[in-house]
PDB file of N, CA and C in Angstrom:
ATOM      1  N   MET A   1     -13.803  28.739 -33.252  1.00  0.00           N
ATOM      2  CA  MET A   1     -14.329  27.537 -32.633  1.00  0.00           C
ATOM      3  C   MET A   1     -15.781  27.385 -33.087  1.00  0.00           C
ATOM      4  N   ASN A   2     -16.105  26.209 -33.605  1.00  0.00           N
ATOM      5  CA  ASN A   2     -17.465  26.035 -34.105  1.00  0.00           C
ATOM      6  C   ASN A   2     -18.418  25.670 -32.972  1.00  0.00           C
ATOM      7  N   LYS A   3     -19.681  25.592 -33.303  1.00  0.00           N
ATOM      8  CA  LYS A   3     -20.734  25.379 -32.305  1.00  0.00           C
ATOM      9  C   LYS A   3     -20.604  24.016 -31.616  1.00  0.00           C
ATOM     10  N   ASN A   4     -20.207  22.978 -32.344  1.00  0.00           N
ATOM     11  CA  ASN A   4     -20.055  21.645 -31.753  1.00  0.00           C
ATOM     12  C   ASN A   4     -18.946  21.626 -30.707  1.00  0.00           C
ATOM     13  N   ASP A   5     -17.838  22.306 -31.005  1.00  0.00           N
ATOM     14  CA  ASP A   5     -16.740  22.374 -30.042  1.00  0.00           C
ATOM     15  C   ASP A   5     -17.170  23.110 -28.782  1.00  0.00           C
ATOM     16  N   GLN A   6     -17.917  24.195 -28.956  1.00  0.00           N
ATOM     17  CA  GLN A   6     -18.394  24.958 -27.809  1.00  0.00           C
ATOM     18  C   GLN A   6     -19.336  24.124 -26.952  1.00  0.00           C
ATOM     19  N   GLN A   7     -20.225  23.378 -27.614  1.00  0.00           N
ATOM     20  CA  GLN A   7     -21.163  22.530 -26.863  1.00  0.00           C
ATOM     21  C   GLN A   7     -20.417  21.424 -26.120  1.00  0.00           C
ATOM     22  N   PHE A   8     -19.399  20.851 -26.756  1.00  0.00           N
ATOM     23  CA  PHE A   8     -18.622  19.798 -26.111  1.00  0.00           C
ATOM     24  C   PHE A   8     -17.921  20.335 -24.868  1.00  0.00           C
ATOM     25  N   ILE A   9     -17.283  21.485 -24.992  1.00  0.00           N
ATOM     26  CA  ILE A   9     -16.578  22.077 -23.850  1.00  0.00           C
ATOM     27  C   ILE A   9     -17.557  22.446 -22.749  1.00  0.00           C
ATOM     28  N   ALA A  10     -18.701  23.005 -23.120  1.00  0.00           N
ATOM     29  CA  ALA A  10     -19.709  23.371 -22.125  1.00  0.00           C
ATOM     30  C   ALA A  10     -20.222  22.126 -21.406  1.00  0.00           C
ATOM     31  N   GLN A  11     -20.450  21.054 -22.140  1.00  0.00           N
ATOM     32  CA  GLN A  11     -20.925  19.809 -21.528  1.00  0.00           C
ATOM     33  C   GLN A  11     -19.868  19.224 -20.604  1.00  0.00           C
ATOM     34  N   LYS A  12     -18.611  19.288 -21.006  1.00  0.00           N
ATOM     35  CA  LYS A  12     -17.520  18.767 -20.187  1.00  0.00           C
ATOM     36  C   LYS A  12     -17.419  19.530 -18.871  1.00  0.00           C
ATOM     37  N   ILE A  13     -17.523  20.841 -18.934  1.00  0.00           N
ATOM     38  CA  ILE A  13     -17.480  21.657 -17.714  1.00  0.00           C
ATOM     39  C   ILE A  13     -18.715  21.405 -16.865  1.00  0.00           C
ATOM     40  N   ARG A  14     -19.860  21.268 -17.502  1.00  0.00           N
ATOM     41  CA  ARG A  14     -21.119  21.056 -16.783  1.00  0.00           C
ATOM     42  C   ARG A  14     -21.097  19.749 -15.997  1.00  0.00           C
ATOM     43  N   THR A  15     -20.514  18.696 -16.569  1.00  0.00           N
ATOM     44  CA  THR A  15     -20.499  17.404 -15.884  1.00  0.00           C
ATOM     45  C   THR A  15     -19.651  17.446 -14.616  1.00  0.00           C
ATOM     46  N   GLN A  16     -18.706  18.383 -14.535  1.00  0.00           N
ATOM     47  CA  GLN A  16     -17.891  18.502 -13.322  1.00  0.00           C
ATOM     48  C   GLN A  16     -18.711  19.015 -12.148  1.00  0.00           C
ATOM     49  N   TYR A  17     -19.802  19.719 -12.418  1.00  0.00           N
ATOM     50  CA  TYR A  17     -20.593  20.321 -11.364  1.00  0.00           C
ATOM     51  C   TYR A  17     -21.871  19.549 -11.060  1.00  0.00           C
ATOM     52  N   MET A  18     -22.151  18.533 -11.823  1.00  0.00           N
ATOM     53  CA  MET A  18     -23.345  17.719 -11.584  1.00  0.00           C
ATOM     54  C   MET A  18     -23.033  16.670 -10.533  1.00  0.00           C
ATOM     55  N   GLU A  19     -24.027  16.319  -9.751  1.00  0.00           N
ATOM     56  CA  GLU A  19     -23.849  15.251  -8.776  1.00  0.00           C
ATOM     57  C   GLU A  19     -23.810  13.927  -9.511  1.00  0.00           C
ATOM     58  N   LYS A  20     -22.865  13.117  -9.122  1.00  0.00           N
ATOM     59  CA  LYS A  20     -22.713  11.829  -9.782  1.00  0.00           C
ATOM     60  C   LYS A  20     -23.532  10.791  -9.034  1.00  0.00           C
ATOM     61  N   GLU A  21     -24.175   9.943  -9.808  1.00  0.00           N
ATOM     62  CA  GLU A  21     -24.940   8.849  -9.221  1.00  0.00           C
ATOM     63  C   GLU A  21     -23.982   7.739  -8.819  1.00  0.00           C
ATOM     64  N   SER A  22     -24.205   7.213  -7.663  1.00  0.00           N
ATOM     65  CA  SER A  22     -23.378   6.109  -7.201  1.00  0.00           C
ATOM     66  C   SER A  22     -23.964   4.811  -7.751  1.00  0.00           C
ATOM     67  N   THR A  23     -23.155   4.069  -8.464  1.00  0.00           N
ATOM     68  CA  THR A  23     -23.621   2.818  -9.045  1.00  0.00           C
ATOM     69  C   THR A  23     -23.089   1.643  -8.229  1.00  0.00           C
ATOM     70  N   GLU A  24     -23.594   0.475  -8.543  1.00  0.00           N
ATOM     71  CA  GLU A  24     -23.133  -0.732  -7.858  1.00  0.00           C
ATOM     72  C   GLU A  24     -21.667  -1.020  -8.190  1.00  0.00           C
ATOM     73  N   LEU A  25     -21.258  -0.671  -9.387  1.00  0.00           N
ATOM     74  CA  LEU A  25     -19.862  -0.872  -9.767  1.00  0.00           C
ATOM     75  C   LEU A  25     -18.941   0.044  -8.954  1.00  0.00           C
ATOM     76  N   ASP A  26     -19.391   1.270  -8.709  1.00  0.00           N
ATOM     77  CA  ASP A  26     -18.615   2.178  -7.853  1.00  0.00           C
ATOM     78  C   ASP A  26     -18.505   1.607  -6.442  1.00  0.00           C
ATOM     79  N   GLU A  27     -19.576   1.042  -5.955  1.00  0.00           N
ATOM     80  CA  GLU A  27     -19.562   0.426  -4.619  1.00  0.00           C
ATOM     81  C   GLU A  27     -18.615  -0.775  -4.585  1.00  0.00           C
ATOM     82  N   LEU A  28     -18.598  -1.573  -5.659  1.00  0.00           N
ATOM     83  CA  LEU A  28     -17.702  -2.721  -5.733  1.00  0.00           C
ATOM     84  C   LEU A  28     -16.243  -2.261  -5.743  1.00  0.00           C
ATOM     85  N   ARG A  29     -15.940  -1.230  -6.493  1.00  0.00           N
ATOM     86  CA  ARG A  29     -14.578  -0.683  -6.514  1.00  0.00           C
ATOM     87  C   ARG A  29     -14.184  -0.142  -5.141  1.00  0.00           C
ATOM     88  N   ARG A  30     -15.132   0.521  -4.466  1.00  0.00           N
ATOM     89  CA  ARG A  30     -14.855   1.064  -3.138  1.00  0.00           C
ATOM     90  C   ARG A  30     -14.546  -0.052  -2.148  1.00  0.00           C
ATOM     91  N   LEU A  31     -15.316  -1.141  -2.218  1.00  0.00           N
ATOM     92  CA  LEU A  31     -15.065  -2.274  -1.329  1.00  0.00           C
ATOM     93  C   LEU A  31     -13.717  -2.936  -1.626  1.00  0.00           C
ATOM     94  N   ASP A  32     -13.393  -3.069  -2.904  1.00  0.00           N
ATOM     95  CA  ASP A  32     -12.108  -3.660  -3.278  1.00  0.00           C
ATOM     96  C   ASP A  32     -10.954  -2.804  -2.755  1.00  0.00           C
ATOM     97  N   THR A  33     -11.090  -1.508  -2.870  1.00  0.00           N
ATOM     98  CA  THR A  33     -10.074  -0.596  -2.340  1.00  0.00           C
ATOM     99  C   THR A  33     -10.002  -0.693  -0.820  1.00  0.00           C
ATOM    100  N   LYS A  34     -11.157  -0.849  -0.188  1.00  0.00           N
ATOM    101  CA  LYS A  34     -11.209  -0.969   1.274  1.00  0.00           C
ATOM    102  C   LYS A  34     -10.486  -2.228   1.753  1.00  0.00           C
ATOM    103  N   VAL A  35     -10.481  -3.257   0.938  1.00  0.00           N
ATOM    104  CA  VAL A  35      -9.777  -4.490   1.275  1.00  0.00           C
ATOM    105  C   VAL A  35      -8.269  -4.322   1.074  1.00  0.00           C
ATOM    106  N   LYS A  36      -7.861  -3.756  -0.055  1.00  0.00           N
ATOM    107  CA  LYS A  36      -6.456  -3.773  -0.443  1.00  0.00           C
ATOM    108  C   LYS A  36      -5.618  -2.601   0.068  1.00  0.00           C
ATOM    109  N   ARG A  37      -6.189  -1.427   0.214  1.00  0.00           N
ATOM    110  CA  ARG A  37      -5.381  -0.251   0.553  1.00  0.00           C
ATOM    111  C   ARG A  37      -4.683  -0.359   1.916  1.00  0.00           C
ATOM    112  N   PRO A  38      -5.383  -0.735   3.007  1.00  0.00           N
ATOM    113  CA  PRO A  38      -4.673  -0.822   4.291  1.00  0.00           C
ATOM    114  C   PRO A  38      -3.540  -1.846   4.275  1.00  0.00           C
ATOM    115  N   VAL A  39      -3.759  -2.934   3.553  1.00  0.00           N
ATOM    116  CA  VAL A  39      -2.741  -3.977   3.464  1.00  0.00           C
ATOM    117  C   VAL A  39      -1.512  -3.457   2.723  1.00  0.00           C
ATOM    118  N   SER A  40      -1.740  -2.757   1.628  1.00  0.00           N
ATOM    119  CA  SER A  40      -0.622  -2.216   0.857  1.00  0.00           C
ATOM    120  C   SER A  40       0.135  -1.152   1.642  1.00  0.00           C
ATOM    121  N   ILE A  41      -0.586  -0.279   2.313  1.00  0.00           N
ATOM    122  CA  ILE A  41       0.065   0.769   3.094  1.00  0.00           C
ATOM    123  C   ILE A  41       0.936   0.152   4.183  1.00  0.00           C
ATOM    124  N   PHE A  42       0.385  -0.832   4.908  1.00  0.00           N
ATOM    125  CA  PHE A  42       1.173  -1.486   5.946  1.00  0.00           C
ATOM    126  C   PHE A  42       2.420  -2.138   5.366  1.00  0.00           C
ATOM    127  N   SER A  43       2.251  -2.835   4.245  1.00  0.00           N
ATOM    128  CA  SER A  43       3.365  -3.556   3.643  1.00  0.00           C
ATOM    129  C   SER A  43       4.468  -2.603   3.180  1.00  0.00           C
ATOM    130  N   TYR A  44       4.090  -1.492   2.563  1.00  0.00           N
ATOM    131  CA  TYR A  44       5.091  -0.518   2.121  1.00  0.00           C
ATOM    132  C   TYR A  44       5.829   0.090   3.311  1.00  0.00           C
ATOM    133  N   ILE A  45       5.110   0.454   4.347  1.00  0.00           N
ATOM    134  CA  ILE A  45       5.756   1.066   5.512  1.00  0.00           C
ATOM    135  C   ILE A  45       6.660   0.060   6.215  1.00  0.00           C
ATOM    136  N   PHE A  46       6.171  -1.158   6.426  1.00  0.00           N
ATOM    137  CA  PHE A  46       6.962  -2.177   7.100  1.00  0.00           C
ATOM    138  C   PHE A  46       8.209  -2.521   6.287  1.00  0.00           C
ATOM    139  N   GLY A  47       8.066  -2.628   4.974  1.00  0.00           N
ATOM    140  CA  GLY A  47       9.211  -2.908   4.112  1.00  0.00           C
ATOM    141  C   GLY A  47      10.215  -1.768   4.125  1.00  0.00           C
ATOM    142  N   GLY A  48       9.722  -0.545   4.146  1.00  0.00           N
ATOM    143  CA  GLY A  48      10.613   0.602   4.218  1.00  0.00           C
ATOM    144  C   GLY A  48      11.399   0.637   5.523  1.00  0.00           C
ATOM    145  N   VAL A  49      10.711   0.344   6.620  1.00  0.00           N
ATOM    146  CA  VAL A  49      11.385   0.301   7.921  1.00  0.00           C
ATOM    147  C   VAL A  49      12.423  -0.822   7.930  1.00  0.00           C
ATOM    148  N   ALA A  50      12.075  -1.964   7.354  1.00  0.00           N
ATOM    149  CA  ALA A  50      13.026  -3.083   7.289  1.00  0.00           C
ATOM    150  C   ALA A  50      14.273  -2.688   6.502  1.00  0.00           C
ATOM    151  N   ALA A  51      14.087  -1.990   5.390  1.00  0.00           N
ATOM    152  CA  ALA A  51      15.236  -1.560   4.591  1.00  0.00           C
ATOM    153  C   ALA A  51      16.097  -0.560   5.354  1.00  0.00           C
ATOM    154  N   ILE A  52      15.462   0.326   6.100  1.00  0.00           N
ATOM    155  CA  ILE A  52      16.225   1.306   6.884  1.00  0.00           C
ATOM    156  C   ILE A  52      17.012   0.615   7.996  1.00  0.00           C
ATOM    157  N   VAL A  53      16.374  -0.349   8.664  1.00  0.00           N
ATOM    158  CA  VAL A  53      17.072  -1.084   9.734  1.00  0.00           C
ATOM    159  C   VAL A  53      18.257  -1.846   9.160  1.00  0.00           C
ATOM    160  N   MET A  54      18.037  -2.520   8.041  1.00  0.00           N
ATOM    161  CA  MET A  54      19.129  -3.265   7.420  1.00  0.00           C
ATOM    162  C   MET A  54      20.239  -2.318   6.970  1.00  0.00           C
ATOM    163  N   GLY A  55      19.875  -1.191   6.402  1.00  0.00           N
ATOM    164  CA  GLY A  55      20.869  -0.211   5.973  1.00  0.00           C
ATOM    165  C   GLY A  55      21.654   0.379   7.142  1.00  0.00           C
ATOM    166  N   ALA A  56      20.963   0.586   8.258  1.00  0.00           N
ATOM    167  CA  ALA A  56      21.670   1.094   9.440  1.00  0.00           C
ATOM    168  C   ALA A  56      22.690   0.077   9.927  1.00  0.00           C
ATOM    169  N   GLY A  57      22.320  -1.198   9.906  1.00  0.00           N
ATOM    170  CA  GLY A  57      23.267  -2.243  10.288  1.00  0.00           C
ATOM    171  C   GLY A  57      24.461  -2.291   9.359  1.00  0.00           C
ATOM    172  N   MET A  58      24.196  -2.170   8.064  1.00  0.00           N
ATOM    173  CA  MET A  58      25.296  -2.168   7.094  1.00  0.00           C
ATOM    174  C   MET A  58      26.197  -0.953   7.311  1.00  0.00           C
ATOM    175  N   SER A  59      25.597   0.177   7.619  1.00  0.00           N
ATOM    176  CA  SER A  59      26.392   1.381   7.848  1.00  0.00           C
ATOM    177  C   SER A  59      27.289   1.230   9.065  1.00  0.00           C
ATOM    178  N   LEU A  60      26.765   0.597  10.105  1.00  0.00           N
ATOM    179  CA  LEU A  60      27.591   0.396  11.288  1.00  0.00           C
ATOM    180  C   LEU A  60      28.775  -0.518  10.991  1.00  0.00           C
ATOM    181  N   VAL A  61      28.554  -1.535  10.181  1.00  0.00           N
ATOM    182  CA  VAL A  61      29.617  -2.487   9.875  1.00  0.00           C
ATOM    183  C   VAL A  61      30.640  -1.882   8.914  1.00  0.00           C
ATOM    184  N   MET A  62      30.191  -1.167   7.908  1.00  0.00           N
ATOM    185  CA  MET A  62      31.074  -0.756   6.820  1.00  0.00           C
ATOM    186  C   MET A  62      31.696   0.631   6.972  1.00  0.00           C
ATOM    187  N   THR A  63      31.193   1.448   7.868  1.00  0.00           N
ATOM    188  CA  THR A  63      31.732   2.800   7.999  1.00  0.00           C
ATOM    189  C   THR A  63      32.180   3.051   9.429  1.00  0.00           C
ATOM    190  N   ASP A  64      32.644   4.242   9.672  1.00  0.00           N
ATOM    191  CA  ASP A  64      33.074   4.590  11.022  1.00  0.00           C
ATOM    192  C   ASP A  64      32.052   5.468  11.742  1.00  0.00           C
ATOM    193  N   ILE A  65      30.799   5.384  11.347  1.00  0.00           N
ATOM    194  CA  ILE A  65      29.738   6.158  11.999  1.00  0.00           C
ATOM    195  C   ILE A  65      29.622   5.764  13.473  1.00  0.00           C
ATOM    196  N   GLY A  66      29.707   4.488  13.748  1.00  0.00           N
ATOM    197  CA  GLY A  66      29.618   4.023  15.134  1.00  0.00           C
ATOM    198  C   GLY A  66      30.724   4.591  16.000  1.00  0.00           C
ATOM    199  N   ALA A  67      31.921   4.662  15.451  1.00  0.00           N
ATOM    200  CA  ALA A  67      33.044   5.222  16.207  1.00  0.00           C
ATOM    201  C   ALA A  67      32.825   6.704  16.469  1.00  0.00           C
ATOM    202  N   MET A  68      32.255   7.416  15.501  1.00  0.00           N
ATOM    203  CA  MET A  68      31.974   8.835  15.700  1.00  0.00           C
ATOM    204  C   MET A  68      30.887   9.037  16.747  1.00  0.00           C
ATOM    205  N   LEU A  69      29.976   8.056  16.879  1.00  0.00           N
ATOM    206  CA  LEU A  69      28.921   8.140  17.881  1.00  0.00           C
ATOM    207  C   LEU A  69      29.381   7.656  19.250  1.00  0.00           C
ATOM    208  N   GLY A  70      30.596   7.161  19.328  1.00  0.00           N
ATOM    209  CA  GLY A  70      31.148   6.728  20.604  1.00  0.00           C
ATOM    210  C   GLY A  70      30.915   5.262  20.908  1.00  0.00           C
ATOM    211  N   MET A  71      30.493   4.492  19.918  1.00  0.00           N
ATOM    212  CA  MET A  71      30.287   3.061  20.121  1.00  0.00           C
ATOM    213  C   MET A  71      31.632   2.351  20.026  1.00  0.00           C
ATOM    214  N   GLY A  72      31.812   1.347  20.875  1.00  0.00           N
ATOM    215  CA  GLY A  72      33.078   0.623  20.869  1.00  0.00           C
ATOM    216  C   GLY A  72      33.174  -0.343  19.713  1.00  0.00           C
ATOM    217  N   ASP A  73      32.471  -1.461  19.790  1.00  0.00           N
ATOM    218  CA  ASP A  73      32.522  -2.498  18.756  1.00  0.00           C
ATOM    219  C   ASP A  73      31.261  -2.399  17.907  1.00  0.00           C
ATOM    220  N   THR A  74      31.390  -1.846  16.734  1.00  0.00           N
ATOM    221  CA  THR A  74      30.222  -1.661  15.868  1.00  0.00           C
ATOM    222  C   THR A  74      29.939  -2.884  15.011  1.00  0.00           C
ATOM    223  N   MET A  75      30.869  -3.788  14.897  1.00  0.00           N
ATOM    224  CA  MET A  75      30.703  -4.962  14.042  1.00  0.00           C
ATOM    225  C   MET A  75      29.549  -5.833  14.535  1.00  0.00           C
ATOM    226  N   VAL A  76      29.539  -6.181  15.816  1.00  0.00           N
ATOM    227  CA  VAL A  76      28.500  -7.066  16.354  1.00  0.00           C
ATOM    228  C   VAL A  76      27.140  -6.388  16.303  1.00  0.00           C
ATOM    229  N   GLY A  77      27.098  -5.137  16.729  1.00  0.00           N
ATOM    230  CA  GLY A  77      25.829  -4.403  16.690  1.00  0.00           C
ATOM    231  C   GLY A  77      25.304  -4.228  15.283  1.00  0.00           C
ATOM    232  N   GLY A  78      26.195  -3.945  14.361  1.00  0.00           N
ATOM    233  CA  GLY A  78      25.801  -3.777  12.968  1.00  0.00           C
ATOM    234  C   GLY A  78      25.283  -5.061  12.354  1.00  0.00           C
ATOM    235  N   ILE A  79      25.936  -6.166  12.679  1.00  0.00           N
ATOM    236  CA  ILE A  79      25.475  -7.462  12.151  1.00  0.00           C
ATOM    237  C   ILE A  79      24.103  -7.801  12.721  1.00  0.00           C
ATOM    238  N   ILE A  80      23.926  -7.584  14.001  1.00  0.00           N
ATOM    239  CA  ILE A  80      22.625  -7.872  14.624  1.00  0.00           C
ATOM    240  C   ILE A  80      21.533  -7.005  14.001  1.00  0.00           C
ATOM    241  N   LEU A  81      21.821  -5.725  13.832  1.00  0.00           N
ATOM    242  CA  LEU A  81      20.852  -4.814  13.234  1.00  0.00           C
ATOM    243  C   LEU A  81      20.563  -5.184  11.772  1.00  0.00           C
ATOM    244  N   GLY A  82      21.585  -5.545  11.028  1.00  0.00           N
ATOM    245  CA  GLY A  82      21.403  -5.946   9.637  1.00  0.00           C
ATOM    246  C   GLY A  82      20.577  -7.212   9.500  1.00  0.00           C
ATOM    247  N   VAL A  83      20.866  -8.197  10.352  1.00  0.00           N
ATOM    248  CA  VAL A  83      20.093  -9.448  10.316  1.00  0.00           C
ATOM    249  C   VAL A  83      18.642  -9.189  10.708  1.00  0.00           C
ATOM    250  N   ALA A  84      18.427  -8.302  11.687  1.00  0.00           N
ATOM    251  CA  ALA A  84      17.050  -7.958  12.071  1.00  0.00           C
ATOM    252  C   ALA A  84      16.305  -7.340  10.888  1.00  0.00           C
ATOM    253  N   GLY A  85      16.970  -6.468  10.148  1.00  0.00           N
ATOM    254  CA  GLY A  85      16.353  -5.869   8.963  1.00  0.00           C
ATOM    255  C   GLY A  85      16.052  -6.895   7.886  1.00  0.00           C
ATOM    256  N   ILE A  86      16.977  -7.831   7.688  1.00  0.00           N
ATOM    257  CA  ILE A  86      16.759  -8.892   6.703  1.00  0.00           C
ATOM    258  C   ILE A  86      15.572  -9.758   7.108  1.00  0.00           C
ATOM    259  N   LEU A  87      15.472 -10.093   8.390  1.00  0.00           N
ATOM    260  CA  LEU A  87      14.343 -10.897   8.866  1.00  0.00           C
ATOM    261  C   LEU A  87      13.019 -10.149   8.700  1.00  0.00           C
ATOM    262  N   MET A  88      13.037  -8.866   8.994  1.00  0.00           N
ATOM    263  CA  MET A  88      11.815  -8.072   8.805  1.00  0.00           C
ATOM    264  C   MET A  88      11.389  -8.073   7.341  1.00  0.00           C
ATOM    265  N   ALA A  89      12.361  -7.917   6.444  1.00  0.00           N
ATOM    266  CA  ALA A  89      12.049  -7.922   5.016  1.00  0.00           C
ATOM    267  C   ALA A  89      11.556  -9.299   4.567  1.00  0.00           C
ATOM    268  N   ALA A  90      12.109 -10.352   5.162  1.00  0.00           N
ATOM    269  CA  ALA A  90      11.720 -11.711   4.777  1.00  0.00           C
ATOM    270  C   ALA A  90      10.297 -12.049   5.225  1.00  0.00           C
ATOM    271  N   VAL A  91       9.857 -11.523   6.358  1.00  0.00           N
ATOM    272  CA  VAL A  91       8.514 -11.840   6.847  1.00  0.00           C
ATOM    273  C   VAL A  91       7.469 -10.861   6.330  1.00  0.00           C
ATOM    274  N   ASN A  92       7.902  -9.847   5.593  1.00  0.00           N
ATOM    275  CA  ASN A  92       6.952  -8.852   5.098  1.00  0.00           C
ATOM    276  C   ASN A  92       5.899  -9.481   4.184  1.00  0.00           C
ATOM    277  N   TYR A  93       6.304 -10.305   3.239  1.00  0.00           N
ATOM    278  CA  TYR A  93       5.341 -10.908   2.312  1.00  0.00           C
ATOM    279  C   TYR A  93       4.374 -11.876   3.006  1.00  0.00           C
ATOM    280  N   PRO A  94       4.842 -12.772   3.879  1.00  0.00           N
ATOM    281  CA  PRO A  94       3.866 -13.618   4.576  1.00  0.00           C
ATOM    282  C   PRO A  94       2.884 -12.818   5.434  1.00  0.00           C
ATOM    283  N   ILE A  95       3.362 -11.754   6.057  1.00  0.00           N
ATOM    284  CA  ILE A  95       2.443 -10.895   6.824  1.00  0.00           C
ATOM    285  C   ILE A  95       1.438 -10.246   5.885  1.00  0.00           C
ATOM    286  N   TYR A  96       1.910  -9.771   4.734  1.00  0.00           N
ATOM    287  CA  TYR A  96       1.035  -9.164   3.736  1.00  0.00           C
ATOM    288  C   TYR A  96      -0.059 -10.139   3.303  1.00  0.00           C
ATOM    289  N   LYS A  97       0.339 -11.374   2.975  1.00  0.00           N
ATOM    290  CA  LYS A  97      -0.641 -12.363   2.523  1.00  0.00           C
ATOM    291  C   LYS A  97      -1.667 -12.687   3.608  1.00  0.00           C
ATOM    292  N   ARG A  98      -1.211 -12.849   4.847  1.00  0.00           N
ATOM    293  CA  ARG A  98      -2.118 -13.166   5.944  1.00  0.00           C
ATOM    294  C   ARG A  98      -3.089 -12.011   6.194  1.00  0.00           C
ATOM    295  N   PHE A  99      -2.561 -10.788   6.182  1.00  0.00           N
ATOM    296  CA  PHE A  99      -3.386  -9.606   6.395  1.00  0.00           C
ATOM    297  C   PHE A  99      -4.404  -9.460   5.264  1.00  0.00           C
ATOM    298  N   LEU A 100      -3.972  -9.682   4.025  1.00  0.00           N
ATOM    299  CA  LEU A 100      -4.876  -9.587   2.880  1.00  0.00           C
ATOM    300  C   LEU A 100      -5.962 -10.653   2.945  1.00  0.00           C
ATOM    301  N   ASN A 101      -5.595 -11.884   3.292  1.00  0.00           N
ATOM    302  CA  ASN A 101      -6.592 -12.951   3.388  1.00  0.00           C
ATOM    303  C   ASN A 101      -7.615 -12.676   4.484  1.00  0.00           C
ATOM    304  N   SER A 102      -7.180 -12.091   5.601  1.00  0.00           N
ATOM    305  CA  SER A 102      -8.141 -11.775   6.661  1.00  0.00           C
ATOM    306  C   SER A 102      -9.100 -10.683   6.198  1.00  0.00           C
ATOM    307  N   ARG A 103      -8.607  -9.697   5.443  1.00  0.00           N
ATOM    308  CA  ARG A 103      -9.489  -8.643   4.915  1.00  0.00           C
ATOM    309  C   ARG A 103     -10.431  -9.220   3.857  1.00  0.00           C
ATOM    310  N   LYS A 104      -9.938 -10.172   3.054  1.00  0.00           N
ATOM    311  CA  LYS A 104     -10.801 -10.805   2.059  1.00  0.00           C
ATOM    312  C   LYS A 104     -11.922 -11.590   2.729  1.00  0.00           C
ATOM    313  N   LYS A 105     -11.613 -12.292   3.819  1.00  0.00           N
ATOM    314  CA  LYS A 105     -12.648 -13.023   4.544  1.00  0.00           C
ATOM    315  C   LYS A 105     -13.693 -12.070   5.111  1.00  0.00           C
ATOM    316  N   LYS A 106     -13.227 -10.938   5.602  1.00  0.00           N
ATOM    317  CA  LYS A 106     -14.125  -9.973   6.230  1.00  0.00           C
ATOM    318  C   LYS A 106     -15.103  -9.376   5.226  1.00  0.00           C
ATOM    319  N   TYR A 107     -14.622  -9.021   4.027  1.00  0.00           N
ATOM    320  CA  TYR A 107     -15.461  -8.344   3.038  1.00  0.00           C
ATOM    321  C   TYR A 107     -15.832  -9.230   1.852  1.00  0.00           C
ATOM    322  N   GLY A 108     -15.379 -10.464   1.830  1.00  0.00           N
ATOM    323  CA  GLY A 108     -15.573 -11.332   0.676  1.00  0.00           C
ATOM    324  C   GLY A 108     -17.018 -11.587   0.312  1.00  0.00           C
ATOM    325  N   ALA A 109     -17.841 -11.893   1.293  1.00  0.00           N
ATOM    326  CA  ALA A 109     -19.242 -12.209   1.007  1.00  0.00           C
ATOM    327  C   ALA A 109     -19.957 -11.012   0.400  1.00  0.00           C
ATOM    328  N   GLU A 110     -19.704  -9.848   0.940  1.00  0.00           N
ATOM    329  CA  GLU A 110     -20.340  -8.636   0.423  1.00  0.00           C
ATOM    330  C   GLU A 110     -19.889  -8.342  -1.007  1.00  0.00           C
ATOM    331  N   ILE A 111     -18.602  -8.533  -1.288  1.00  0.00           N
ATOM    332  CA  ILE A 111     -18.073  -8.286  -2.630  1.00  0.00           C
ATOM    333  C   ILE A 111     -18.642  -9.302  -3.623  1.00  0.00           C
ATOM    334  N   ILE A 112     -18.718 -10.556  -3.221  1.00  0.00           N
ATOM    335  CA  ILE A 112     -19.257 -11.586  -4.114  1.00  0.00           C
ATOM    336  C   ILE A 112     -20.736 -11.346  -4.401  1.00  0.00           C
ATOM    337  N   ASN A 113     -21.508 -11.000  -3.384  1.00  0.00           N
ATOM    338  CA  ASN A 113     -22.941 -10.721  -3.597  1.00  0.00           C
ATOM    339  C   ASN A 113     -23.122  -9.543  -4.556  1.00  0.00           C
ATOM    340  N   LEU A 114     -22.369  -8.495  -4.359  1.00  0.00           N
ATOM    341  CA  LEU A 114     -22.486  -7.321  -5.208  1.00  0.00           C
ATOM    342  C   LEU A 114     -22.027  -7.622  -6.630  1.00  0.00           C
ATOM    343  N   SER A 115     -20.946  -8.367  -6.781  1.00  0.00           N
ATOM    344  CA  SER A 115     -20.469  -8.693  -8.129  1.00  0.00           C
ATOM    345  C   SER A 115     -21.441  -9.633  -8.842  1.00  0.00           C
ATOM    346  N   ASP A 116     -22.055 -10.566  -8.109  1.00  0.00           N
ATOM    347  CA  ASP A 116     -23.080 -11.430  -8.718  1.00  0.00           C
ATOM    348  C   ASP A 116     -24.259 -10.593  -9.202  1.00  0.00           C
ATOM    349  N   LYS A 117     -24.655  -9.623  -8.402  1.00  0.00           N
ATOM    350  CA  LYS A 117     -25.774  -8.764  -8.774  1.00  0.00           C
ATOM    351  C   LYS A 117     -25.434  -7.977 -10.048  1.00  0.00           C
ATOM    352  N   ILE A 118     -24.204  -7.510 -10.152  1.00  0.00           N
ATOM    353  CA  ILE A 118     -23.786  -6.742 -11.339  1.00  0.00           C
ATOM    354  C   ILE A 118     -23.709  -7.639 -12.563  1.00  0.00           C
ATOM    355  N   MET A 119     -23.149  -8.828 -12.406  1.00  0.00           N
ATOM    356  CA  MET A 119     -22.975  -9.723 -13.568  1.00  0.00           C
ATOM    357  C   MET A 119     -24.281 -10.327 -14.042  1.00  0.00           C
ATOM    358  N   ASN A 120     -25.285 -10.434 -13.190  1.00  0.00           N
ATOM    359  CA  ASN A 120     -26.553 -11.039 -13.583  1.00  0.00           C
ATOM    360  C   ASN A 120     -27.550 -10.033 -14.129  1.00  0.00           C
ATOM    361  N   LYS A 121     -27.147  -8.794 -14.289  1.00  0.00           N
ATOM    362  CA  LYS A 121     -28.057  -7.795 -14.859  1.00  0.00           C
ATOM    363  C   LYS A 121     -28.217  -7.979 -16.330  1.00  0.00           C
TER     364      LYS A 121
END
């Protein structure tokens, strides 16, 4: 290994232990993440629950799981559960958009001011 390779590796390791300066761009990325992450997490969880509810309804209608659990008429219950899951999945996107827009309103001015400051440098 030649001297340049050794210096490169040493510099790479050294930068891992140095304190990083926080820049305005890092702050802008942090704010953008602060706006989008809670909305995405909620949307994924709500969509997952909707899929599980819909799947449970389908299982009640199409299999004999309900009979094994001691339920009498699984068709009506399964249809109701399936439709509830479909409705939850259908309203997931409008809820996502509304939640995202409210977060954008909350942090929008700060993000715009910071981005203007970065772009005008």
